[in-house]
Amino acid sequence: NTEVTAARAHPDGIALDTTAGEISGTHLLVATGRRPSVTALGLDAAGVETGPQGIVTDAGMRTGNRRIYAIGDVAGGAQFTHVAGYQAGLVVRSALFGLPARARTDHIPRAIYT
């Protein structure tokens, strides 16, 4: 990992000055990722803890308030539609049928988009 200290026009397109030297190219892609937007929801009043990755849950997707679950991107972890679907199944199993549910993400397919 290195830190970008400056970006500037270059004869080939763009150049980045980094703490490890210069990198130049024809294009620059800025991929900033996603962050859950939970700060204005007042979740603390409901006993729901939040953190940098979103809403804090246990392995069964329950929050600090036993009546509230969080799934998908807002619950941190892998941010894929199929992960949210898997988590939804766990919540239905737990909330509607009272069956124990524990998320295991080691078997879920992952992808890196470039």
PDB file of N, CA and C in Angstrom:
ATOM      1  N   ASN A   1       0.837  -1.176   0.000  1.00  0.00           N
ATOM      2  CA  ASN A   1       0.000   0.000   0.000  1.00  0.00           C
ATOM      3  C   ASN A   1       0.881   1.239   0.000  1.00  0.00           C
ATOM      4  N   THR A   2       0.382   2.265  -0.657  1.00  0.00           N
ATOM      5  CA  THR A   2       1.097   3.529  -0.708  1.00  0.00           C
ATOM      6  C   THR A   2       0.092   4.664  -0.636  1.00  0.00           C
ATOM      7  N   GLU A   3       0.560   5.842  -0.371  1.00  0.00           N
ATOM      8  CA  GLU A   3      -0.313   7.006  -0.256  1.00  0.00           C
ATOM      9  C   GLU A   3      -0.138   7.890  -1.481  1.00  0.00           C
ATOM     10  N   VAL A   4      -1.247   8.316  -2.072  1.00  0.00           N
ATOM     11  CA  VAL A   4      -1.199   9.259  -3.188  1.00  0.00           C
ATOM     12  C   VAL A   4      -1.065  10.659  -2.605  1.00  0.00           C
ATOM     13  N   THR A   5      -0.051  11.382  -3.058  1.00  0.00           N
ATOM     14  CA  THR A   5       0.186  12.734  -2.540  1.00  0.00           C
ATOM     15  C   THR A   5      -0.260  13.808  -3.512  1.00  0.00           C
ATOM     16  N   ALA A   6      -0.370  13.469  -4.813  1.00  0.00           N
ATOM     17  CA  ALA A   6      -0.812  14.453  -5.810  1.00  0.00           C
ATOM     18  C   ALA A   6      -1.248  13.736  -7.078  1.00  0.00           C
ATOM     19  N   ALA A   7      -2.175  14.359  -7.804  1.00  0.00           N
ATOM     20  CA  ALA A   7      -2.591  13.898  -9.130  1.00  0.00           C
ATOM     21  C   ALA A   7      -2.451  15.079 -10.073  1.00  0.00           C
ATOM     22  N   ARG A   8      -1.882  14.830 -11.263  1.00  0.00           N
ATOM     23  CA  ARG A   8      -1.655  15.940 -12.196  1.00  0.00           C
ATOM     24  C   ARG A   8      -1.713  15.439 -13.627  1.00  0.00           C
ATOM     25  N   ALA A   9      -1.906  16.407 -14.534  1.00  0.00           N
ATOM     26  CA  ALA A   9      -1.889  16.082 -15.964  1.00  0.00           C
ATOM     27  C   ALA A   9      -0.497  15.612 -16.353  1.00  0.00           C
ATOM     28  N   HIS A  10      -0.464  14.689 -17.292  1.00  0.00           N
ATOM     29  CA  HIS A  10       0.790  14.082 -17.762  1.00  0.00           C
ATOM     30  C   HIS A  10       0.656  13.936 -19.280  1.00  0.00           C
ATOM     31  N   PRO A  11       1.762  13.962 -20.036  1.00  0.00           N
ATOM     32  CA  PRO A  11       1.652  13.817 -21.498  1.00  0.00           C
ATOM     33  C   PRO A  11       0.857  12.580 -21.931  1.00  0.00           C
ATOM     34  N   ASP A  12       0.907  11.503 -21.163  1.00  0.00           N
ATOM     35  CA  ASP A  12       0.154  10.288 -21.500  1.00  0.00           C
ATOM     36  C   ASP A  12      -1.273  10.301 -20.955  1.00  0.00           C
ATOM     37  N   GLY A  13      -1.620  11.274 -20.136  1.00  0.00           N
ATOM     38  CA  GLY A  13      -2.956  11.343 -19.553  1.00  0.00           C
ATOM     39  C   GLY A  13      -2.938  11.888 -18.146  1.00  0.00           C
ATOM     40  N   ILE A  14      -2.533  11.064 -17.192  1.00  0.00           N
ATOM     41  CA  ILE A  14      -2.530  11.473 -15.791  1.00  0.00           C
ATOM     42  C   ILE A  14      -1.352  10.823 -15.069  1.00  0.00           C
ATOM     43  N   ALA A  15      -0.841  11.518 -14.075  1.00  0.00           N
ATOM     44  CA  ALA A  15       0.235  10.974 -13.242  1.00  0.00           C
ATOM     45  C   ALA A  15      -0.138  11.140 -11.783  1.00  0.00           C
ATOM     46  N   LEU A  16       0.189  10.140 -11.009  1.00  0.00           N
ATOM     47  CA  LEU A  16      -0.020  10.189  -9.568  1.00  0.00           C
ATOM     48  C   LEU A  16       1.335  10.180  -8.891  1.00  0.00           C
ATOM     49  N   ASP A  17       1.539  11.128  -8.005  1.00  0.00           N
ATOM     50  CA  ASP A  17       2.724  11.110  -7.156  1.00  0.00           C
ATOM     51  C   ASP A  17       2.339  10.348  -5.896  1.00  0.00           C
ATOM     52  N   THR A  18       3.122   9.351  -5.545  1.00  0.00           N
ATOM     53  CA  THR A  18       2.852   8.548  -4.356  1.00  0.00           C
ATOM     54  C   THR A  18       4.079   8.540  -3.460  1.00  0.00           C
ATOM     55  N   THR A  19       3.908   8.032  -2.287  1.00  0.00           N
ATOM     56  CA  THR A  19       5.045   7.930  -1.371  1.00  0.00           C
ATOM     57  C   THR A  19       6.068   6.912  -1.874  1.00  0.00           C
ATOM     58  N   ALA A  20       5.686   6.091  -2.851  1.00  0.00           N
ATOM     59  CA  ALA A  20       6.603   5.096  -3.419  1.00  0.00           C
ATOM     60  C   ALA A  20       7.135   5.508  -4.790  1.00  0.00           C
ATOM     61  N   GLY A  21       6.739   6.686  -5.278  1.00  0.00           N
ATOM     62  CA  GLY A  21       7.190   7.138  -6.597  1.00  0.00           C
ATOM     63  C   GLY A  21       6.029   7.595  -7.453  1.00  0.00           C
ATOM     64  N   GLU A  22       6.279   7.715  -8.766  1.00  0.00           N
ATOM     65  CA  GLU A  22       5.256   8.195  -9.703  1.00  0.00           C
ATOM     66  C   GLU A  22       4.638   7.030 -10.460  1.00  0.00           C
ATOM     67  N   ILE A  23       3.319   7.146 -10.676  1.00  0.00           N
ATOM     68  CA  ILE A  23       2.579   6.191 -11.497  1.00  0.00           C
ATOM     69  C   ILE A  23       1.852   7.007 -12.551  1.00  0.00           C
ATOM     70  N   SER A  24       1.988   6.631 -13.827  1.00  0.00           N
ATOM     71  CA  SER A  24       1.282   7.371 -14.876  1.00  0.00           C
ATOM     72  C   SER A  24       0.435   6.411 -15.698  1.00  0.00           C
ATOM     73  N   GLY A  25      -0.579   6.976 -16.342  1.00  0.00           N
ATOM     74  CA  GLY A  25      -1.461   6.174 -17.184  1.00  0.00           C
ATOM     75  C   GLY A  25      -2.367   7.057 -18.006  1.00  0.00           C
ATOM     76  N   THR A  26      -3.184   6.424 -18.831  1.00  0.00           N
ATOM     77  CA  THR A  26      -4.091   7.179 -19.694  1.00  0.00           C
ATOM     78  C   THR A  26      -5.393   7.540 -18.990  1.00  0.00           C
ATOM     79  N   HIS A  27      -5.779   6.762 -17.987  1.00  0.00           N
ATOM     80  CA  HIS A  27      -7.041   6.985 -17.285  1.00  0.00           C
ATOM     81  C   HIS A  27      -6.849   6.771 -15.786  1.00  0.00           C
ATOM     82  N   LEU A  28      -7.758   7.335 -15.019  1.00  0.00           N
ATOM     83  CA  LEU A  28      -7.762   7.139 -13.572  1.00  0.00           C
ATOM     84  C   LEU A  28      -9.172   6.751 -13.151  1.00  0.00           C
ATOM     85  N   LEU A  29      -9.304   5.633 -12.482  1.00  0.00           N
ATOM     86  CA  LEU A  29     -10.584   5.185 -11.944  1.00  0.00           C
ATOM     87  C   LEU A  29     -10.548   5.376 -10.437  1.00  0.00           C
ATOM     88  N   VAL A  30     -11.503   6.123  -9.929  1.00  0.00           N
ATOM     89  CA  VAL A  30     -11.607   6.320  -8.487  1.00  0.00           C
ATOM     90  C   VAL A  30     -12.768   5.459  -8.000  1.00  0.00           C
ATOM     91  N   ALA A  31     -12.467   4.435  -7.228  1.00  0.00           N
ATOM     92  CA  ALA A  31     -13.479   3.535  -6.677  1.00  0.00           C
ATOM     93  C   ALA A  31     -13.470   3.706  -5.162  1.00  0.00           C
ATOM     94  N   THR A  32     -14.459   4.397  -4.655  1.00  0.00           N
ATOM     95  CA  THR A  32     -14.462   4.752  -3.239  1.00  0.00           C
ATOM     96  C   THR A  32     -15.221   3.781  -2.353  1.00  0.00           C
ATOM     97  N   GLY A  33     -15.904   2.824  -2.929  1.00  0.00           N
ATOM     98  CA  GLY A  33     -16.641   1.866  -2.115  1.00  0.00           C
ATOM     99  C   GLY A  33     -17.975   2.413  -1.643  1.00  0.00           C
ATOM    100  N   ARG A  34     -18.594   1.678  -0.746  1.00  0.00           N
ATOM    101  CA  ARG A  34     -19.900   2.069  -0.217  1.00  0.00           C
ATOM    102  C   ARG A  34     -19.840   2.108   1.297  1.00  0.00           C
ATOM    103  N   ARG A  35     -20.624   3.012   1.850  1.00  0.00           N
ATOM    104  CA  ARG A  35     -20.754   3.103   3.306  1.00  0.00           C
ATOM    105  C   ARG A  35     -22.229   3.165   3.659  1.00  0.00           C
ATOM    106  N   PRO A  36     -22.645   2.408   4.647  1.00  0.00           N
ATOM    107  CA  PRO A  36     -24.045   2.495   5.056  1.00  0.00           C
ATOM    108  C   PRO A  36     -24.348   3.854   5.676  1.00  0.00           C
ATOM    109  N   SER A  37     -25.515   4.371   5.388  1.00  0.00           N
ATOM    110  CA  SER A  37     -25.932   5.668   5.906  1.00  0.00           C
ATOM    111  C   SER A  37     -26.935   5.441   7.036  1.00  0.00           C
ATOM    112  N   VAL A  38     -26.431   5.341   8.252  1.00  0.00           N
ATOM    113  CA  VAL A  38     -27.296   5.024   9.389  1.00  0.00           C
ATOM    114  C   VAL A  38     -27.271   6.077  10.485  1.00  0.00           C
ATOM    115  N   THR A  39     -26.422   7.088  10.356  1.00  0.00           N
ATOM    116  CA  THR A  39     -26.238   8.041  11.456  1.00  0.00           C
ATOM    117  C   THR A  39     -27.490   8.846  11.779  1.00  0.00           C
ATOM    118  N   ALA A  40     -28.308   9.160  10.797  1.00  0.00           N
ATOM    119  CA  ALA A  40     -29.475  10.013  11.036  1.00  0.00           C
ATOM    120  C   ALA A  40     -30.740   9.226  11.384  1.00  0.00           C
ATOM    121  N   LEU A  41     -30.629   7.932  11.584  1.00  0.00           N
ATOM    122  CA  LEU A  41     -31.817   7.117  11.835  1.00  0.00           C
ATOM    123  C   LEU A  41     -32.225   7.039  13.303  1.00  0.00           C
ATOM    124  N   GLY A  42     -31.378   7.501  14.205  1.00  0.00           N
ATOM    125  CA  GLY A  42     -31.709   7.441  15.630  1.00  0.00           C
ATOM    126  C   GLY A  42     -31.784   6.024  16.167  1.00  0.00           C
ATOM    127  N   LEU A  43     -30.979   5.138  15.616  1.00  0.00           N
ATOM    128  CA  LEU A  43     -31.037   3.733  16.019  1.00  0.00           C
ATOM    129  C   LEU A  43     -30.631   3.503  17.467  1.00  0.00           C
ATOM    130  N   ASP A  44     -29.818   4.392  18.006  1.00  0.00           N
ATOM    131  CA  ASP A  44     -29.412   4.244  19.405  1.00  0.00           C
ATOM    132  C   ASP A  44     -30.617   4.301  20.339  1.00  0.00           C
ATOM    133  N   ALA A  45     -31.635   5.066  19.975  1.00  0.00           N
ATOM    134  CA  ALA A  45     -32.850   5.157  20.792  1.00  0.00           C
ATOM    135  C   ALA A  45     -33.594   3.822  20.836  1.00  0.00           C
ATOM    136  N   ALA A  46     -33.375   2.988  19.821  1.00  0.00           N
ATOM    137  CA  ALA A  46     -34.015   1.669  19.775  1.00  0.00           C
ATOM    138  C   ALA A  46     -33.101   0.576  20.315  1.00  0.00           C
ATOM    139  N   GLY A  47     -31.927   0.970  20.816  1.00  0.00           N
ATOM    140  CA  GLY A  47     -30.993  -0.019  21.343  1.00  0.00           C
ATOM    141  C   GLY A  47     -30.204  -0.743  20.276  1.00  0.00           C
ATOM    142  N   VAL A  48     -30.071  -0.107  19.103  1.00  0.00           N
ATOM    143  CA  VAL A  48     -29.335  -0.706  17.991  1.00  0.00           C
ATOM    144  C   VAL A  48     -27.987  -0.017  17.869  1.00  0.00           C
ATOM    145  N   GLU A  49     -26.926  -0.793  17.994  1.00  0.00           N
ATOM    146  CA  GLU A  49     -25.568  -0.254  17.924  1.00  0.00           C
ATOM    147  C   GLU A  49     -25.105  -0.179  16.473  1.00  0.00           C
ATOM    148  N   THR A  50     -24.421   0.920  16.152  1.00  0.00           N
ATOM    149  CA  THR A  50     -23.845   1.065  14.818  1.00  0.00           C
ATOM    150  C   THR A  50     -22.340   1.249  14.937  1.00  0.00           C
ATOM    151  N   GLY A  51     -21.662   0.973  13.839  1.00  0.00           N
ATOM    152  CA  GLY A  51     -20.216   1.126  13.790  1.00  0.00           C
ATOM    153  C   GLY A  51     -19.800   1.541  12.395  1.00  0.00           C
ATOM    154  N   PRO A  52     -18.514   1.536  12.111  1.00  0.00           N
ATOM    155  CA  PRO A  52     -18.022   1.972  10.802  1.00  0.00           C
ATOM    156  C   PRO A  52     -18.568   1.142   9.639  1.00  0.00           C
ATOM    157  N   GLN A  53     -18.901  -0.125   9.882  1.00  0.00           N
ATOM    158  CA  GLN A  53     -19.407  -0.994   8.821  1.00  0.00           C
ATOM    159  C   GLN A  53     -20.929  -0.998   8.732  1.00  0.00           C
ATOM    160  N   GLY A  54     -21.605  -0.266   9.611  1.00  0.00           N
ATOM    161  CA  GLY A  54     -23.064  -0.230   9.590  1.00  0.00           C
ATOM    162  C   GLY A  54     -23.647  -0.671  10.911  1.00  0.00           C
ATOM    163  N   ILE A  55     -24.700  -1.459  10.850  1.00  0.00           N
ATOM    164  CA  ILE A  55     -25.391  -1.927  12.044  1.00  0.00           C
ATOM    165  C   ILE A  55     -24.688  -3.175  12.570  1.00  0.00           C
ATOM    166  N   VAL A  56     -24.416  -3.188  13.864  1.00  0.00           N
ATOM    167  CA  VAL A  56     -23.733  -4.315  14.498  1.00  0.00           C
ATOM    168  C   VAL A  56     -24.752  -5.422  14.763  1.00  0.00           C
ATOM    169  N   THR A  57     -24.427  -6.645  14.314  1.00  0.00           N
ATOM    170  CA  THR A  57     -25.313  -7.795  14.516  1.00  0.00           C
ATOM    171  C   THR A  57     -24.533  -8.964  15.105  1.00  0.00           C
ATOM    172  N   ASP A  58     -25.290  -9.924  15.627  1.00  0.00           N
ATOM    173  CA  ASP A  58     -24.670 -11.178  16.050  1.00  0.00           C
ATOM    174  C   ASP A  58     -24.681 -12.141  14.861  1.00  0.00           C
ATOM    175  N   ALA A  59     -24.289 -13.374  15.070  1.00  0.00           N
ATOM    176  CA  ALA A  59     -24.215 -14.347  13.975  1.00  0.00           C
ATOM    177  C   ALA A  59     -25.586 -14.682  13.392  1.00  0.00           C
ATOM    178  N   GLY A  60     -26.655 -14.405  14.140  1.00  0.00           N
ATOM    179  CA  GLY A  60     -28.009 -14.641  13.650  1.00  0.00           C
ATOM    180  C   GLY A  60     -28.641 -13.406  13.037  1.00  0.00           C
ATOM    181  N   MET A  61     -27.847 -12.363  12.812  1.00  0.00           N
ATOM    182  CA  MET A  61     -28.266 -11.103  12.203  1.00  0.00           C
ATOM    183  C   MET A  61     -29.135 -10.255  13.126  1.00  0.00           C
ATOM    184  N   ARG A  62     -29.153 -10.565  14.413  1.00  0.00           N
ATOM    185  CA  ARG A  62     -29.886  -9.760  15.387  1.00  0.00           C
ATOM    186  C   ARG A  62     -29.027  -8.606  15.860  1.00  0.00           C
ATOM    187  N   THR A  63     -29.685  -7.498  16.124  1.00  0.00           N
ATOM    188  CA  THR A  63     -29.003  -6.328  16.669  1.00  0.00           C
ATOM    189  C   THR A  63     -29.038  -6.404  18.192  1.00  0.00           C
ATOM    190  N   GLY A  64     -28.587  -5.344  18.852  1.00  0.00           N
ATOM    191  CA  GLY A  64     -28.657  -5.275  20.308  1.00  0.00           C
ATOM    192  C   GLY A  64     -30.085  -5.289  20.820  1.00  0.00           C
ATOM    193  N   ASN A  65     -31.041  -4.902  19.989  1.00  0.00           N
ATOM    194  CA  ASN A  65     -32.459  -4.993  20.306  1.00  0.00           C
ATOM    195  C   ASN A  65     -32.939  -6.323  19.732  1.00  0.00           C
ATOM    196  N   ARG A  66     -33.292  -7.272  20.557  1.00  0.00           N
ATOM    197  CA  ARG A  66     -33.622  -8.635  20.115  1.00  0.00           C
ATOM    198  C   ARG A  66     -34.774  -8.694  19.119  1.00  0.00           C
ATOM    199  N   ARG A  67     -35.541  -7.608  18.986  1.00  0.00           N
ATOM    200  CA  ARG A  67     -36.660  -7.590  18.040  1.00  0.00           C
ATOM    201  C   ARG A  67     -36.280  -7.021  16.679  1.00  0.00           C
ATOM    202  N   ILE A  68     -35.046  -6.579  16.541  1.00  0.00           N
ATOM    203  CA  ILE A  68     -34.615  -5.934  15.297  1.00  0.00           C
ATOM    204  C   ILE A  68     -33.450  -6.705  14.689  1.00  0.00           C
ATOM    205  N   TYR A  69     -33.606  -7.037  13.414  1.00  0.00           N
ATOM    206  CA  TYR A  69     -32.562  -7.708  12.651  1.00  0.00           C
ATOM    207  C   TYR A  69     -32.020  -6.726  11.612  1.00  0.00           C
ATOM    208  N   ALA A  70     -30.817  -6.961  11.151  1.00  0.00           N
ATOM    209  CA  ALA A  70     -30.246  -6.167  10.058  1.00  0.00           C
ATOM    210  C   ALA A  70     -29.553  -7.128   9.097  1.00  0.00           C
ATOM    211  N   ILE A  71     -29.832  -6.962   7.803  1.00  0.00           N
ATOM    212  CA  ILE A  71     -29.221  -7.825   6.790  1.00  0.00           C
ATOM    213  C   ILE A  71     -28.736  -6.980   5.621  1.00  0.00           C
ATOM    214  N   GLY A  72     -27.953  -7.588   4.775  1.00  0.00           N
ATOM    215  CA  GLY A  72     -27.494  -6.915   3.561  1.00  0.00           C
ATOM    216  C   GLY A  72     -26.337  -5.972   3.823  1.00  0.00           C
ATOM    217  N   ASP A  73     -26.178  -5.014   2.927  1.00  0.00           N
ATOM    218  CA  ASP A  73     -25.044  -4.090   2.978  1.00  0.00           C
ATOM    219  C   ASP A  73     -24.933  -3.357   4.307  1.00  0.00           C
ATOM    220  N   VAL A  74     -26.070  -3.037   4.927  1.00  0.00           N
ATOM    221  CA  VAL A  74     -26.057  -2.254   6.164  1.00  0.00           C
ATOM    222  C   VAL A  74     -25.497  -3.046   7.349  1.00  0.00           C
ATOM    223  N   ALA A  75     -25.411  -4.363   7.215  1.00  0.00           N
ATOM    224  CA  ALA A  75     -24.914  -5.200   8.307  1.00  0.00           C
ATOM    225  C   ALA A  75     -23.423  -5.504   8.176  1.00  0.00           C
ATOM    226  N   GLY A  76     -22.745  -4.844   7.245  1.00  0.00           N
ATOM    227  CA  GLY A  76     -21.312  -5.088   7.063  1.00  0.00           C
ATOM    228  C   GLY A  76     -21.065  -6.410   6.368  1.00  0.00           C
ATOM    229  N   GLY A  77     -19.830  -6.789   6.260  1.00  0.00           N
ATOM    230  CA  GLY A  77     -19.503  -8.047   5.593  1.00  0.00           C
ATOM    231  C   GLY A  77     -19.559  -7.919   4.082  1.00  0.00           C
ATOM    232  N   ALA A  78     -19.670  -9.054   3.417  1.00  0.00           N
ATOM    233  CA  ALA A  78     -19.686  -9.081   1.951  1.00  0.00           C
ATOM    234  C   ALA A  78     -20.938  -8.385   1.424  1.00  0.00           C
ATOM    235  N   GLN A  79     -20.757  -7.439   0.534  1.00  0.00           N
ATOM    236  CA  GLN A  79     -21.878  -6.646   0.018  1.00  0.00           C
ATOM    237  C   GLN A  79     -22.307  -7.155  -1.357  1.00  0.00           C
ATOM    238  N   PHE A  80     -23.014  -8.283  -1.341  1.00  0.00           N
ATOM    239  CA  PHE A  80     -23.525  -8.896  -2.560  1.00  0.00           C
ATOM    240  C   PHE A  80     -24.997  -9.223  -2.368  1.00  0.00           C
ATOM    241  N   THR A  81     -25.756  -9.204  -3.455  1.00  0.00           N
ATOM    242  CA  THR A  81     -27.181  -9.516  -3.396  1.00  0.00           C
ATOM    243  C   THR A  81     -27.410 -10.921  -2.850  1.00  0.00           C
ATOM    244  N   HIS A  82     -26.616 -11.883  -3.290  1.00  0.00           N
ATOM    245  CA  HIS A  82     -26.829 -13.261  -2.829  1.00  0.00           C
ATOM    246  C   HIS A  82     -26.529 -13.418  -1.338  1.00  0.00           C
ATOM    247  N   VAL A  83     -25.651 -12.593  -0.796  1.00  0.00           N
ATOM    248  CA  VAL A  83     -25.390 -12.629   0.648  1.00  0.00           C
ATOM    249  C   VAL A  83     -26.612 -12.102   1.402  1.00  0.00           C
ATOM    250  N   ALA A  84     -27.193 -11.005   0.916  1.00  0.00           N
ATOM    251  CA  ALA A  84     -28.400 -10.459   1.549  1.00  0.00           C
ATOM    252  C   ALA A  84     -29.543 -11.471   1.496  1.00  0.00           C
ATOM    253  N   GLY A  85     -29.668 -12.182   0.383  1.00  0.00           N
ATOM    254  CA  GLY A  85     -30.698 -13.217   0.269  1.00  0.00           C
ATOM    255  C   GLY A  85     -30.492 -14.339   1.273  1.00  0.00           C
ATOM    256  N   TYR A  86     -29.258 -14.747   1.427  1.00  0.00           N
ATOM    257  CA  TYR A  86     -28.913 -15.781   2.408  1.00  0.00           C
ATOM    258  C   TYR A  86     -29.251 -15.303   3.821  1.00  0.00           C
ATOM    259  N   GLN A  87     -28.878 -14.062   4.128  1.00  0.00           N
ATOM    260  CA  GLN A  87     -29.162 -13.509   5.448  1.00  0.00           C
ATOM    261  C   GLN A  87     -30.669 -13.389   5.680  1.00  0.00           C
ATOM    262  N   ALA A  88     -31.419 -13.028   4.647  1.00  0.00           N
ATOM    263  CA  ALA A  88     -32.877 -12.930   4.773  1.00  0.00           C
ATOM    264  C   ALA A  88     -33.474 -14.282   5.143  1.00  0.00           C
ATOM    265  N   GLY A  89     -32.970 -15.341   4.532  1.00  0.00           N
ATOM    266  CA  GLY A  89     -33.445 -16.684   4.868  1.00  0.00           C
ATOM    267  C   GLY A  89     -33.199 -17.026   6.329  1.00  0.00           C
ATOM    268  N   LEU A  90     -32.047 -16.619   6.839  1.00  0.00           N
ATOM    269  CA  LEU A  90     -31.742 -16.859   8.253  1.00  0.00           C
ATOM    270  C   LEU A  90     -32.713 -16.121   9.167  1.00  0.00           C
ATOM    271  N   VAL A  91     -33.006 -14.877   8.812  1.00  0.00           N
ATOM    272  CA  VAL A  91     -33.906 -14.068   9.637  1.00  0.00           C
ATOM    273  C   VAL A  91     -35.317 -14.650   9.619  1.00  0.00           C
ATOM    274  N   VAL A  92     -35.802 -15.065   8.467  1.00  0.00           N
ATOM    275  CA  VAL A  92     -37.131 -15.684   8.385  1.00  0.00           C
ATOM    276  C   VAL A  92     -37.169 -16.935   9.258  1.00  0.00           C
ATOM    277  N   ARG A  93     -36.154 -17.742   9.149  1.00  0.00           N
ATOM    278  CA  ARG A  93     -36.061 -18.976   9.936  1.00  0.00           C
ATOM    279  C   ARG A  93     -36.128 -18.676  11.436  1.00  0.00           C
ATOM    280  N   SER A  94     -35.412 -17.648  11.852  1.00  0.00           N
ATOM    281  CA  SER A  94     -35.355 -17.298  13.271  1.00  0.00           C
ATOM    282  C   SER A  94     -36.609 -16.570  13.745  1.00  0.00           C
ATOM    283  N   ALA A  95     -36.986 -15.505  13.030  1.00  0.00           N
ATOM    284  CA  ALA A  95     -38.090 -14.648  13.479  1.00  0.00           C
ATOM    285  C   ALA A  95     -39.453 -15.323  13.354  1.00  0.00           C
ATOM    286  N   LEU A  96     -39.683 -16.043  12.265  1.00  0.00           N
ATOM    287  CA  LEU A  96     -41.009 -16.621  12.040  1.00  0.00           C
ATOM    288  C   LEU A  96     -41.170 -18.027  12.596  1.00  0.00           C
ATOM    289  N   PHE A  97     -40.091 -18.791  12.595  1.00  0.00           N
ATOM    290  CA  PHE A  97     -40.204 -20.186  13.009  1.00  0.00           C
ATOM    291  C   PHE A  97     -39.483 -20.498  14.318  1.00  0.00           C
ATOM    292  N   GLY A  98     -38.773 -19.515  14.874  1.00  0.00           N
ATOM    293  CA  GLY A  98     -38.084 -19.717  16.136  1.00  0.00           C
ATOM    294  C   GLY A  98     -36.944 -20.722  16.075  1.00  0.00           C
ATOM    295  N   LEU A  99     -36.456 -20.988  14.873  1.00  0.00           N
ATOM    296  CA  LEU A  99     -35.355 -21.937  14.708  1.00  0.00           C
ATOM    297  C   LEU A  99     -34.021 -21.225  14.868  1.00  0.00           C
ATOM    298  N   PRO A 100     -33.033 -21.899  15.407  1.00  0.00           N
ATOM    299  CA  PRO A 100     -31.724 -21.250  15.544  1.00  0.00           C
ATOM    300  C   PRO A 100     -31.127 -20.947  14.172  1.00  0.00           C
ATOM    301  N   ALA A 101     -30.527 -19.794  14.061  1.00  0.00           N
ATOM    302  CA  ALA A 101     -29.916 -19.387  12.793  1.00  0.00           C
ATOM    303  C   ALA A 101     -28.562 -18.767  13.082  1.00  0.00           C
ATOM    304  N   ARG A 102     -27.576 -19.200  12.342  1.00  0.00           N
ATOM    305  CA  ARG A 102     -26.218 -18.683  12.519  1.00  0.00           C
ATOM    306  C   ARG A 102     -25.602 -18.524  11.136  1.00  0.00           C
ATOM    307  N   ALA A 103     -25.249 -17.294  10.785  1.00  0.00           N
ATOM    308  CA  ALA A 103     -24.673 -17.024   9.464  1.00  0.00           C
ATOM    309  C   ALA A 103     -23.279 -17.622   9.360  1.00  0.00           C
ATOM    310  N   ARG A 104     -23.058 -18.352   8.290  1.00  0.00           N
ATOM    311  CA  ARG A 104     -21.726 -18.871   7.956  1.00  0.00           C
ATOM    312  C   ARG A 104     -21.394 -18.343   6.570  1.00  0.00           C
ATOM    313  N   THR A 105     -20.410 -17.494   6.501  1.00  0.00           N
ATOM    314  CA  THR A 105     -20.088 -16.877   5.210  1.00  0.00           C
ATOM    315  C   THR A 105     -18.893 -17.519   4.523  1.00  0.00           C
ATOM    316  N   ASP A 106     -18.297 -18.533   5.127  1.00  0.00           N
ATOM    317  CA  ASP A 106     -17.121 -19.149   4.519  1.00  0.00           C
ATOM    318  C   ASP A 106     -17.450 -19.930   3.245  1.00  0.00           C
ATOM    319  N   HIS A 107     -18.699 -20.281   3.023  1.00  0.00           N
ATOM    320  CA  HIS A 107     -19.092 -21.046   1.844  1.00  0.00           C
ATOM    321  C   HIS A 107     -19.774 -20.199   0.765  1.00  0.00           C
ATOM    322  N   ILE A 108     -19.900 -18.905   0.987  1.00  0.00           N
ATOM    323  CA  ILE A 108     -20.592 -18.031   0.038  1.00  0.00           C
ATOM    324  C   ILE A 108     -19.624 -17.577  -1.049  1.00  0.00           C
ATOM    325  N   PRO A 109     -20.020 -17.701  -2.324  1.00  0.00           N
ATOM    326  CA  PRO A 109     -19.139 -17.243  -3.411  1.00  0.00           C
ATOM    327  C   PRO A 109     -18.858 -15.748  -3.310  1.00  0.00           C
ATOM    328  N   ARG A 110     -17.669 -15.361  -3.736  1.00  0.00           N
ATOM    329  CA  ARG A 110     -17.258 -13.956  -3.717  1.00  0.00           C
ATOM    330  C   ARG A 110     -16.710 -13.581  -5.079  1.00  0.00           C
ATOM    331  N   ALA A 111     -16.711 -12.297  -5.349  1.00  0.00           N
ATOM    332  CA  ALA A 111     -16.144 -11.794  -6.602  1.00  0.00           C
ATOM    333  C   ALA A 111     -15.461 -10.467  -6.331  1.00  0.00           C
ATOM    334  N   ILE A 112     -14.466 -10.174  -7.126  1.00  0.00           N
ATOM    335  CA  ILE A 112     -13.809  -8.871  -7.077  1.00  0.00           C
ATOM    336  C   ILE A 112     -14.051  -8.217  -8.426  1.00  0.00           C
ATOM    337  N   TYR A 113     -14.703  -7.077  -8.414  1.00  0.00           N
ATOM    338  CA  TYR A 113     -15.009  -6.363  -9.648  1.00  0.00           C
ATOM    339  C   TYR A 113     -13.879  -5.400  -9.954  1.00  0.00           C
ATOM    340  N   THR A 114     -13.371  -5.474 -11.170  1.00  0.00           N
ATOM    341  CA  THR A 114     -12.290  -4.566 -11.568  1.00  0.00           C
ATOM    342  C   THR A 114     -12.671  -3.817 -12.825  1.00  0.00           C
TER     343      THR A 114
END
